[in-house]
Amino acid sequence: MKLMIAVVQDKDAGRLIETLMGRGFGVTKLASTGGFLKEGNTTLMVGAEAPRIAEAVDLVKNLCPSRRQVITPLAPVGGPVDSYVPYPVEVQVGGAAIFVLDVERFEKV
């Protein structure tokens, strides 16, 4: 058995969860926050037999595209705010971070 942990953007989570569940995967959703943009994202845990994990990973890849977004960075904490001029910057958001782990033991009680 394998455990896939996928960190996805909130806007992609609903469609991904519906698709995974529609294909018979059990999904646990956790709210999480990204470190760089300090925005909410969703962490999904999906357990499945090893041959099916590749299907789950492919679904994440297909349903969670990366995108370009313009943001205005926040002022640095603890630094001088007087000289800080926030300029919008374009960053890549979305996509997913996918981890696949071996599960030594699984019990459903």
Protein backbone atom coordinates (compact mmCIF):
# COMPACT_ATOMS: atom_id res chain seq x y z
CA MET A 1 0.00 0.00 0.00
CA LYS A 2 1.09 3.57 -0.73
CA LEU A 3 0.15 7.00 0.62
CA MET A 4 0.11 9.98 -1.72
CA ILE A 5 0.28 13.40 -0.10
CA ALA A 6 -0.51 16.19 -2.55
CA VAL A 7 -0.33 19.91 -1.71
CA VAL A 8 -2.47 21.80 -4.22
CA GLN A 9 -3.86 25.30 -4.62
CA ASP A 10 -7.29 25.80 -3.03
CA LYS A 11 -8.90 26.66 -6.37
CA ASP A 12 -7.92 23.23 -7.76
CA ALA A 13 -8.85 21.17 -4.70
CA GLY A 14 -12.62 20.77 -5.17
CA ARG A 15 -12.44 19.45 -8.73
CA LEU A 16 -9.53 17.16 -7.83
CA ILE A 17 -11.33 15.71 -4.80
CA GLU A 18 -14.50 15.04 -6.82
CA THR A 19 -12.50 13.34 -9.57
CA LEU A 20 -10.47 11.21 -7.16
CA MET A 21 -13.58 10.11 -5.26
CA GLY A 22 -15.41 9.43 -8.52
CA ARG A 23 -12.61 7.02 -9.44
CA GLY A 24 -12.94 5.20 -6.11
CA PHE A 25 -10.09 6.79 -4.15
CA GLY A 26 -10.54 7.67 -0.50
CA VAL A 27 -9.42 11.24 0.15
CA THR A 28 -8.65 13.12 3.36
CA LYS A 29 -8.51 16.91 3.02
CA LEU A 30 -6.38 19.12 5.28
CA ALA A 31 -6.30 22.92 5.22
CA SER A 32 -2.75 24.25 5.03
CA THR A 33 -0.88 27.47 4.33
CA GLY A 34 2.01 27.98 1.94
CA GLY A 35 5.21 29.56 3.18
CA PHE A 36 6.10 31.84 0.26
CA LEU A 37 2.82 33.57 -0.59
CA LYS A 38 1.23 32.93 2.83
CA GLU A 39 -1.94 31.85 1.01
CA GLY A 40 -4.19 28.94 1.79
CA ASN A 41 -3.71 25.68 0.02
CA THR A 42 -5.07 22.18 0.45
CA THR A 43 -3.19 19.07 1.44
CA LEU A 44 -4.78 15.81 0.30
CA MET A 45 -3.93 12.36 1.60
CA VAL A 46 -4.85 9.44 -0.64
CA GLY A 47 -4.16 5.83 0.28
CA ALA A 48 -4.27 3.10 -2.37
CA GLU A 49 -2.64 -0.07 -3.52
CA ALA A 50 0.64 0.53 -5.33
CA PRO A 51 -0.65 -0.03 -8.91
CA ARG A 52 -3.38 2.63 -8.47
CA ILE A 53 -1.15 5.39 -7.08
CA ALA A 54 0.18 6.19 -10.56
CA GLU A 55 -3.42 6.93 -11.63
CA ALA A 56 -3.90 9.29 -8.67
CA VAL A 57 -0.62 11.09 -9.41
CA ASP A 58 -1.65 11.53 -13.07
CA LEU A 59 -4.98 13.04 -11.99
CA VAL A 60 -3.17 15.58 -9.80
CA LYS A 61 -0.82 16.47 -12.66
CA ASN A 62 -3.71 16.94 -15.10
CA LEU A 63 -6.09 18.85 -12.82
CA CYS A 64 -3.65 21.14 -10.98
CA PRO A 65 -1.84 23.24 -13.58
CA SER A 66 0.69 25.90 -12.65
CA ARG A 67 -0.16 29.50 -13.56
CA ARG A 68 1.46 32.93 -13.55
CA GLN A 69 0.07 35.50 -11.08
CA VAL A 70 1.05 39.08 -10.28
CA ILE A 71 1.40 39.77 -6.55
CA THR A 72 2.55 42.68 -4.41
CA PRO A 73 4.95 41.41 -1.75
CA LEU A 74 4.27 42.26 1.89
CA ALA A 75 6.60 44.60 3.78
CA PRO A 76 9.43 42.81 5.60
CA VAL A 77 8.67 42.09 9.24
CA GLY A 78 10.90 44.00 11.65
CA GLY A 79 12.57 46.04 8.93
CA PRO A 80 12.24 49.73 8.09
CA VAL A 81 8.91 50.25 6.36
CA ASP A 82 9.72 53.85 5.32
CA SER A 83 12.11 52.79 2.57
CA TYR A 84 10.11 49.76 1.42
CA VAL A 85 8.35 50.27 -1.92
CA PRO A 86 6.23 47.28 -2.94
CA TYR A 87 6.56 46.52 -6.63
CA PRO A 88 4.26 43.91 -8.19
CA VAL A 89 6.11 40.79 -9.25
CA GLU A 90 4.99 37.88 -11.39
CA VAL A 91 5.26 34.48 -9.73
CA GLN A 92 4.33 30.93 -10.64
CA VAL A 93 1.48 29.54 -8.52
CA GLY A 94 -0.54 26.38 -8.59
CA GLY A 95 0.78 23.06 -9.66
CA ALA A 96 1.27 20.54 -6.88
CA ALA A 97 3.84 19.07 -4.57
CA ILE A 98 3.33 15.29 -4.57
CA PHE A 99 4.86 12.86 -2.10
CA VAL A 100 4.39 9.08 -2.39
CA LEU A 101 5.25 7.05 0.69
CA ASP A 102 5.28 3.34 1.46
CA VAL A 103 2.74 2.38 4.10
CA GLU A 104 4.00 -0.25 6.47
CA ARG A 105 0.63 -0.80 8.12
CA PHE A 106 -2.95 0.34 7.49
CA GLU A 107 -5.99 -0.31 9.66
CA LYS A 108 -9.51 0.99 9.25
CA VAL A 109 -11.40 0.86 12.55
